[in-house]
Amino acid sequence: MIAPGSTAANVPIQKVYLITTTGGFDGVIGKSIIELHRVNGNSYSDFMEIHFVTAPQGYMEDTFKSVVDVTNSGDTLPSAEILVNLPVVPVAALLQHSVTKGTSYAQS
């Protein structure tokens, strides 16, 4: 939760690595890789900073499966200086209210 008077330094931000053949969005191939972190006991945040990873010559889609694979690639992993609100939603999620389960709207 972000409190009044907080700064961006108080917001937990994860890194999301996008493998690209061009160095930008137009060359992104395969699945992104998210670097999970632990801040104040929490291990997840919807706020992510995009990092482009240059695909090595002959790279096959989704060969990189972890942050270790990305860091071992030898790329400099520059930040795109783009922050996104990117919630991870599991496959087959119903995206419904966690208490009412879609049966009614919570009253405020």
Protein backbone atom coordinates (compact mmCIF):
# COMPACT_ATOMS: atom_id res chain seq x y z
CA MET A 1 0.00 0.00 0.00
CA ILE A 2 1.29 3.43 -0.90
CA ALA A 3 0.77 5.98 1.87
CA PRO A 4 0.42 9.76 1.52
CA GLY A 5 3.87 11.31 1.42
CA SER A 6 5.46 8.16 -0.02
CA THR A 7 7.80 8.30 -3.00
CA ALA A 8 8.49 5.89 -5.82
CA ALA A 9 11.27 4.49 -3.62
CA ASN A 10 8.53 3.04 -1.38
CA VAL A 11 6.90 1.11 -4.25
CA PRO A 12 8.16 -2.44 -4.74
CA ILE A 13 9.14 -2.86 -8.38
CA GLN A 14 10.06 -6.12 -10.04
CA LYS A 15 12.00 -6.56 -13.25
CA VAL A 16 10.43 -8.15 -16.29
CA TYR A 17 12.81 -9.33 -18.99
CA LEU A 18 11.65 -9.35 -22.61
CA ILE A 19 13.75 -11.33 -25.07
CA THR A 20 14.03 -9.38 -28.31
CA THR A 21 15.71 -9.68 -31.69
CA THR A 22 15.64 -5.92 -32.32
CA GLY A 23 16.27 -4.43 -28.87
CA GLY A 24 12.66 -3.23 -28.61
CA PHE A 25 9.03 -4.27 -28.47
CA ASP A 26 8.83 -4.98 -32.21
CA GLY A 27 11.26 -7.90 -31.86
CA VAL A 28 9.96 -9.54 -28.66
CA ILE A 29 9.84 -13.33 -28.95
CA GLY A 30 8.65 -15.92 -26.48
CA LYS A 31 7.51 -15.54 -22.90
CA SER A 32 8.67 -12.82 -20.55
CA ILE A 33 10.68 -13.67 -17.45
CA ILE A 34 9.80 -11.99 -14.15
CA GLU A 35 12.35 -11.49 -11.39
CA LEU A 36 10.49 -12.07 -8.13
CA HIS A 37 11.77 -10.24 -5.09
CA ARG A 38 11.06 -10.01 -1.39
CA VAL A 39 10.12 -6.63 0.11
CA ASN A 40 8.72 -6.45 3.63
CA GLY A 41 7.77 -10.13 3.46
CA ASN A 42 5.98 -9.74 0.12
CA SER A 43 7.29 -11.63 -2.87
CA TYR A 44 5.23 -10.10 -5.67
CA SER A 45 4.32 -6.71 -7.07
CA ASP A 46 2.22 -5.76 -10.11
CA PHE A 47 4.63 -2.88 -10.83
CA MET A 48 7.43 -3.94 -13.17
CA GLU A 49 10.34 -2.31 -14.93
CA ILE A 50 10.93 -3.54 -18.48
CA HIS A 51 14.40 -4.79 -19.42
CA PHE A 52 15.14 -5.81 -22.99
CA VAL A 53 17.40 -8.82 -23.46
CA THR A 54 19.03 -9.22 -26.85
CA ALA A 55 18.44 -12.71 -28.20
CA PRO A 56 21.75 -14.40 -29.00
CA GLN A 57 22.42 -15.52 -32.58
CA GLY A 58 20.36 -18.66 -33.29
CA TYR A 59 18.18 -18.20 -30.18
CA MET A 60 15.16 -20.54 -30.13
CA GLU A 61 11.96 -19.08 -28.65
CA ASP A 62 11.55 -19.69 -24.89
CA THR A 63 15.05 -21.12 -24.44
CA PHE A 64 15.55 -18.71 -21.54
CA LYS A 65 13.34 -19.88 -18.70
CA SER A 66 14.74 -18.07 -15.65
CA VAL A 67 16.53 -14.93 -14.50
CA VAL A 68 19.71 -17.03 -14.24
CA ASP A 69 19.41 -17.93 -17.94
CA VAL A 70 18.97 -14.23 -18.75
CA THR A 71 21.92 -13.05 -16.65
CA ASN A 72 24.13 -15.82 -18.03
CA SER A 73 23.35 -14.66 -21.58
CA GLY A 74 26.07 -12.02 -21.30
CA ASP A 75 23.77 -9.17 -22.37
CA THR A 76 24.00 -5.89 -20.45
CA LEU A 77 20.24 -6.06 -19.59
CA PRO A 78 19.51 -2.34 -19.91
CA SER A 79 16.34 -0.90 -18.46
CA ALA A 80 13.92 0.46 -21.04
CA GLU A 81 13.00 3.02 -18.37
CA ILE A 82 9.39 1.95 -18.77
CA LEU A 83 7.35 1.02 -15.69
CA VAL A 84 4.16 -0.97 -16.18
CA ASN A 85 1.33 -2.21 -14.00
CA LEU A 86 1.43 -5.82 -15.13
CA PRO A 87 -0.55 -8.16 -12.90
CA VAL A 88 0.17 -11.82 -13.47
CA VAL A 89 -3.12 -13.69 -13.90
CA PRO A 90 -3.03 -17.49 -13.81
CA VAL A 91 -4.41 -19.47 -16.74
CA ALA A 92 -8.14 -20.24 -16.22
CA ALA A 93 -8.49 -17.49 -13.59
CA LEU A 94 -12.04 -16.17 -13.34
CA LEU A 95 -11.02 -12.63 -12.37
CA GLN A 96 -13.82 -12.40 -9.87
CA HIS A 97 -14.13 -10.83 -6.44
CA SER A 98 -12.12 -12.87 -3.95
CA VAL A 99 -14.95 -13.01 -1.38
CA THR A 100 -18.23 -12.88 -3.28
CA LYS A 101 -16.91 -15.08 -6.14
CA GLY A 102 -18.97 -13.26 -8.76
CA THR A 103 -22.29 -13.80 -6.96
CA SER A 104 -22.77 -10.16 -5.96
CA TYR A 105 -20.99 -6.83 -5.84
CA ALA A 106 -19.34 -5.78 -2.61
CA GLN A 107 -20.98 -2.76 -1.05
CA SER A 108 -18.76 0.16 -0.14
